[in-house]
Amino acid sequence: MKYLAILAALDLLFCVSAFSQGGQWAELYEPQVFEGMPVRVMKPLGFDESKQYPVILSLHGAGGKGTDNKKQLKDWNKQLADKSVREKFPCYVVAPQAPSLWNAEELKTIQKLIAELPAVDMDRIYVMGHSMGGHGTYIYIQLEPDYFAAAAPSAGSGLKKSEDFIEPSKILNLPIWAFHGDKDGVCPYEKQRVVFDELQKLGGNIKLTTWQGDNHGVSGKMIPGAENGKTEFSGDRCDPESDFLTWLFNQRKAP
């Protein structure tokens, strides 16, 4: 509970919800309750049922947990709702809401929901999230490494003194682009470095962008990038593309 309380306070500080800002873009995310799970879904711009569209699964941090079906929309959801982004990268964005830490049962429900969306490219399911959502991203790609085509965890290494929960060998072949502030006092940067270094030794496929001088509140930098970011590659398997969304939509699940 202490874990969630700390993350919730920081998430509310750094990731103000769309509704508190009065953003009209939030209306693009249509609300529903699917098998008891609050969720908002943004459909592809110019939807054409004869095409197939990728899906971005968006996992909120602790400040978004609850049942109001509102607080889970964060700054990266706003960025994904920008018309120019939707025109260039047409896709579904699925933003569920969890009452606590992301778990296996919620993943099963999310997978059922995605399976019912029309015209989905099941070889291009992506997952991203910040803080508790970054933690959840690592959980989900370990539970279902063959379901996702790529993952982008931000500040997802867990709290200080919490036990390690990431097993690099389980996510060896999945394209990952991780993000972290090197001064993060909540989810230690050092833990993320251990994951990167281990995957590098194992010949994995991970990119790590370090926001130099930044603390925990870096979720808004994943999509647009920032000048204080330094990106490292685990090896030649990594796609060298420097634009995050271009990189993400380049990824396709291996046969």
Protein backbone atom coordinates (compact mmCIF):
# COMPACT_ATOMS: atom_id res chain seq x y z
CA MET A 1 0.00 0.00 0.00
CA LYS A 2 2.89 2.36 0.77
CA TYR A 3 4.21 1.66 -2.74
CA LEU A 4 0.94 2.77 -4.31
CA ALA A 5 0.58 5.80 -2.06
CA ILE A 6 4.00 7.16 -3.05
CA LEU A 7 3.48 6.51 -6.75
CA ALA A 8 -0.02 7.96 -6.67
CA ALA A 9 1.17 11.21 -5.12
CA LEU A 10 3.93 11.60 -7.70
CA ASP A 11 1.71 10.57 -10.56
CA LEU A 12 -0.82 13.21 -9.63
CA LEU A 13 1.95 15.78 -9.35
CA PHE A 14 3.63 15.07 -12.66
CA CYS A 15 0.81 13.58 -14.79
CA VAL A 16 -2.24 15.78 -14.30
CA SER A 17 -5.30 14.09 -15.78
CA ALA A 18 -6.99 15.28 -18.92
CA PHE A 19 -10.20 16.06 -17.11
CA SER A 20 -8.64 18.36 -14.55
CA GLN A 21 -7.21 20.29 -17.49
CA GLY A 22 -10.55 20.34 -19.29
CA GLY A 23 -8.98 18.93 -22.43
CA GLN A 24 -11.43 18.17 -25.25
CA TRP A 25 -9.00 15.59 -26.59
CA ALA A 26 -10.07 13.26 -23.78
CA GLU A 27 -13.45 12.88 -25.46
CA LEU A 28 -11.71 10.98 -28.26
CA TYR A 29 -11.22 8.16 -25.77
CA GLU A 30 -14.64 6.52 -25.63
CA PRO A 31 -15.55 5.10 -22.18
CA GLN A 32 -16.88 1.63 -21.56
CA VAL A 33 -16.83 -1.04 -18.89
CA PHE A 34 -15.58 -4.37 -20.21
CA GLU A 35 -16.13 -7.38 -17.93
CA GLY A 36 -16.05 -5.04 -14.94
CA MET A 37 -12.93 -3.15 -16.04
CA PRO A 38 -13.23 0.60 -16.75
CA VAL A 39 -11.51 1.37 -20.03
CA ARG A 40 -11.30 4.09 -22.65
CA VAL A 41 -10.60 3.34 -26.30
CA MET A 42 -9.51 5.77 -29.00
CA LYS A 43 -10.25 4.42 -32.46
CA PRO A 44 -8.00 4.94 -35.49
CA LEU A 45 -8.56 8.20 -37.31
CA GLY A 46 -10.39 7.53 -40.59
CA PHE A 47 -11.19 3.96 -39.57
CA ASP A 48 -11.47 1.56 -42.52
CA GLU A 49 -12.68 -1.95 -41.71
CA SER A 50 -10.80 -3.34 -44.72
CA LYS A 51 -7.48 -2.40 -43.08
CA GLN A 52 -5.68 -3.73 -40.02
CA TYR A 53 -4.60 -1.41 -37.24
CA PRO A 54 -2.01 -1.76 -34.47
CA VAL A 55 -2.96 -1.29 -30.82
CA ILE A 56 -1.18 0.70 -28.13
CA LEU A 57 -2.00 -0.53 -24.64
CA SER A 58 -1.57 2.42 -22.27
CA LEU A 59 -0.95 1.62 -18.59
CA HIS A 60 -1.45 4.47 -16.15
CA GLY A 61 0.57 5.12 -13.02
CA ALA A 62 -0.70 4.98 -9.45
CA GLY A 63 -2.34 8.39 -9.75
CA GLY A 64 -4.73 6.93 -12.31
CA LYS A 65 -5.94 3.95 -10.31
CA GLY A 66 -9.59 3.74 -9.34
CA THR A 67 -12.95 3.17 -11.02
CA ASP A 68 -13.94 6.62 -12.32
CA ASN A 69 -12.80 5.80 -15.89
CA LYS A 70 -11.18 9.23 -16.16
CA LYS A 71 -7.95 9.47 -14.22
CA GLN A 72 -6.11 6.91 -16.36
CA LEU A 73 -5.67 9.37 -19.23
CA LYS A 74 -2.21 10.92 -18.97
CA ASP A 75 0.08 13.24 -20.88
CA TRP A 76 1.14 10.60 -23.40
CA ASN A 77 -2.56 9.91 -24.10
CA LYS A 78 -2.96 13.57 -24.96
CA GLN A 79 0.05 13.40 -27.27
CA LEU A 80 -1.35 10.32 -29.01
CA ALA A 81 -4.66 12.13 -29.52
CA ASP A 82 -3.02 14.94 -31.50
CA LYS A 83 -4.48 15.00 -35.00
CA SER A 84 -1.09 15.03 -36.74
CA VAL A 85 -0.02 11.95 -34.76
CA ARG A 86 -3.27 10.13 -35.53
CA GLU A 87 -2.93 10.91 -39.22
CA LYS A 88 0.63 9.60 -39.38
CA PHE A 89 0.15 6.63 -37.05
CA PRO A 90 -3.48 5.41 -37.22
CA CYS A 91 -4.07 2.93 -34.41
CA TYR A 92 -6.22 1.98 -31.46
CA VAL A 93 -5.18 3.27 -28.05
CA VAL A 94 -6.60 1.18 -25.21
CA ALA A 95 -6.42 2.83 -21.78
CA PRO A 96 -7.79 0.56 -19.03
CA GLN A 97 -8.06 1.57 -15.38
CA ALA A 98 -6.85 -0.63 -12.53
CA PRO A 99 -7.70 -0.36 -8.82
CA SER A 100 -4.20 -1.45 -7.78
CA LEU A 101 -1.00 -2.82 -9.29
CA TRP A 102 -1.41 -4.26 -12.79
CA ASN A 103 -1.93 -8.03 -12.57
CA ALA A 104 -2.42 -11.15 -14.67
CA GLU A 105 -6.22 -11.20 -14.42
CA GLU A 106 -6.46 -7.67 -15.80
CA LEU A 107 -4.16 -8.64 -18.66
CA LYS A 108 -6.52 -11.49 -19.58
CA THR A 109 -9.44 -9.06 -19.63
CA ILE A 110 -7.47 -6.60 -21.75
CA GLN A 111 -6.59 -9.34 -24.23
CA LYS A 112 -10.27 -10.29 -24.54
CA LEU A 113 -11.17 -6.66 -25.22
CA ILE A 114 -8.49 -6.27 -27.88
CA ALA A 115 -9.61 -9.53 -29.53
CA GLU A 116 -13.10 -8.05 -29.95
CA LEU A 117 -11.94 -4.80 -31.58
CA PRO A 118 -12.55 -4.80 -35.34
CA ALA A 119 -9.69 -4.76 -37.84
CA VAL A 120 -6.84 -5.26 -35.37
CA ASP A 121 -3.36 -6.28 -36.49
CA MET A 122 -2.56 -8.88 -33.84
CA ASP A 123 1.10 -8.86 -34.86
CA ARG A 124 1.40 -5.22 -33.75
CA ILE A 125 0.22 -4.98 -30.15
CA TYR A 126 2.34 -2.49 -28.20
CA VAL A 127 2.41 -1.67 -24.49
CA MET A 128 3.67 1.45 -22.76
CA GLY A 129 3.29 3.10 -19.36
CA HIS A 130 4.96 5.23 -16.72
CA SER A 131 5.79 4.57 -13.06
CA MET A 132 3.25 1.96 -11.89
CA GLY A 133 2.42 1.68 -15.60
CA GLY A 134 6.07 1.11 -16.45
CA HIS A 135 6.16 -1.50 -13.71
CA GLY A 136 3.04 -3.03 -15.27
CA THR A 137 4.63 -2.98 -18.70
CA TYR A 138 7.50 -5.11 -17.42
CA ILE A 139 5.04 -7.43 -15.66
CA TYR A 140 2.93 -7.92 -18.77
CA ILE A 141 5.78 -8.62 -21.18
CA GLN A 142 7.08 -11.25 -18.78
CA LEU A 143 3.65 -12.86 -18.48
CA GLU A 144 3.01 -12.79 -22.25
CA PRO A 145 6.30 -12.17 -24.09
CA ASP A 146 4.89 -13.60 -27.34
CA TYR A 147 1.74 -11.45 -27.30
CA PHE A 148 3.39 -8.05 -27.65
CA ALA A 149 5.38 -6.69 -30.58
CA ALA A 150 7.22 -4.02 -28.54
CA ALA A 151 7.23 -2.38 -25.14
CA ALA A 152 8.09 1.04 -23.72
CA PRO A 153 8.40 1.17 -19.92
CA SER A 154 9.08 4.58 -18.34
CA ALA A 155 10.41 4.66 -14.76
CA GLY A 156 9.34 1.05 -14.48
CA SER A 157 12.03 -0.41 -12.23
CA GLY A 158 10.07 -0.45 -8.97
CA LEU A 159 10.55 1.37 -5.68
CA LYS A 160 13.64 1.52 -3.52
CA LYS A 161 14.04 -1.54 -1.30
CA SER A 162 11.35 -3.43 -3.24
CA GLU A 163 12.38 -6.87 -4.42
CA ASP A 164 13.46 -7.25 -8.03
CA PHE A 165 10.66 -8.46 -10.28
CA ILE A 166 12.23 -8.35 -13.75
CA GLU A 167 13.75 -11.52 -15.21
CA PRO A 168 15.68 -10.42 -18.31
CA SER A 169 15.77 -13.92 -19.79
CA LYS A 170 11.96 -13.87 -20.19
CA ILE A 171 12.00 -10.72 -22.36
CA LEU A 172 15.18 -11.43 -24.28
CA ASN A 173 13.71 -11.24 -27.79
CA LEU A 174 11.16 -8.46 -27.38
CA PRO A 175 12.04 -4.99 -28.73
CA ILE A 176 12.05 -2.66 -25.71
CA TRP A 177 12.67 1.05 -25.46
CA ALA A 178 12.98 2.00 -21.79
CA PHE A 179 13.05 5.54 -20.38
CA HIS A 180 14.32 6.74 -17.01
CA GLY A 181 15.52 9.86 -15.24
CA ASP A 182 18.97 9.30 -13.76
CA LYS A 183 18.01 11.24 -10.61
CA ASP A 184 14.79 9.28 -10.02
CA GLY A 185 14.42 9.01 -6.26
CA VAL A 186 11.29 6.86 -6.40
CA CYS A 187 11.93 4.16 -9.00
CA PRO A 188 15.72 3.89 -8.90
CA TYR A 189 17.57 4.38 -12.15
CA GLU A 190 20.19 1.89 -10.97
CA LYS A 191 17.66 -0.95 -11.16
CA GLN A 192 16.84 -0.09 -14.76
CA ARG A 193 20.55 -0.08 -15.56
CA VAL A 194 20.86 -3.60 -14.16
CA VAL A 195 18.10 -4.78 -16.52
CA PHE A 196 19.73 -3.07 -19.50
CA ASP A 197 23.18 -4.43 -18.69
CA GLU A 198 21.86 -7.98 -18.22
CA LEU A 199 19.91 -7.90 -21.49
CA GLN A 200 22.99 -6.55 -23.22
CA LYS A 201 25.03 -9.51 -21.92
CA LEU A 202 22.33 -11.93 -23.07
CA GLY A 203 22.13 -10.41 -26.55
CA GLY A 204 18.72 -8.84 -25.99
CA ASN A 205 16.95 -6.08 -27.89
CA ILE A 206 16.64 -3.04 -25.62
CA LYS A 207 17.23 0.67 -26.00
CA LEU A 208 17.57 2.82 -22.89
CA THR A 209 17.05 6.55 -22.95
CA THR A 210 18.39 8.25 -19.84
CA TRP A 211 16.94 11.68 -19.09
CA GLN A 212 20.05 13.30 -17.64
CA GLY A 213 19.35 15.35 -14.53
CA ASP A 214 15.65 14.37 -14.35
CA ASN A 215 13.78 12.83 -11.46
CA HIS A 216 10.58 10.77 -11.65
CA GLY A 217 8.28 13.04 -13.68
CA VAL A 218 9.39 12.23 -17.22
CA SER A 219 6.33 10.56 -18.74
CA GLY A 220 5.68 13.41 -21.16
CA LYS A 221 9.06 12.95 -22.82
CA MET A 222 8.60 9.45 -24.21
CA ILE A 223 6.83 10.46 -27.41
CA PRO A 224 8.35 13.86 -28.31
CA GLY A 225 11.81 13.21 -26.85
CA ALA A 226 13.98 15.86 -25.22
CA GLU A 227 17.47 17.30 -25.59
CA ASN A 228 18.66 15.86 -22.27
CA GLY A 229 18.05 12.28 -23.42
CA LYS A 230 20.96 9.93 -24.00
CA THR A 231 20.07 6.66 -25.74
CA GLU A 232 22.08 3.43 -25.51
CA PHE A 233 21.63 0.22 -27.49
CA SER A 234 22.09 -3.32 -26.22
CA GLY A 235 23.46 -4.42 -29.58
CA ASP A 236 22.97 -4.68 -33.34
CA ARG A 237 19.48 -6.17 -32.91
CA CYS A 238 18.13 -2.75 -31.91
CA ASP A 239 16.29 -0.65 -34.46
CA PRO A 240 18.38 2.57 -34.57
CA GLU A 241 15.34 4.76 -35.36
CA SER A 242 15.52 7.87 -33.16
CA ASP A 243 11.85 8.92 -33.28
CA PHE A 244 9.89 6.96 -30.70
CA LEU A 245 6.58 6.50 -32.53
CA THR A 246 8.31 5.67 -35.80
CA TRP A 247 10.35 3.06 -33.92
CA LEU A 248 7.26 1.67 -32.20
CA PHE A 249 5.21 1.24 -35.37
CA ASN A 250 8.20 -0.34 -37.13
CA GLN A 251 8.02 -3.27 -34.73
CA ARG A 252 6.10 -6.40 -35.66
CA LYS A 253 5.78 -9.64 -33.75
CA ALA A 254 8.28 -12.21 -34.95
CA PRO A 255 6.90 -15.32 -36.70
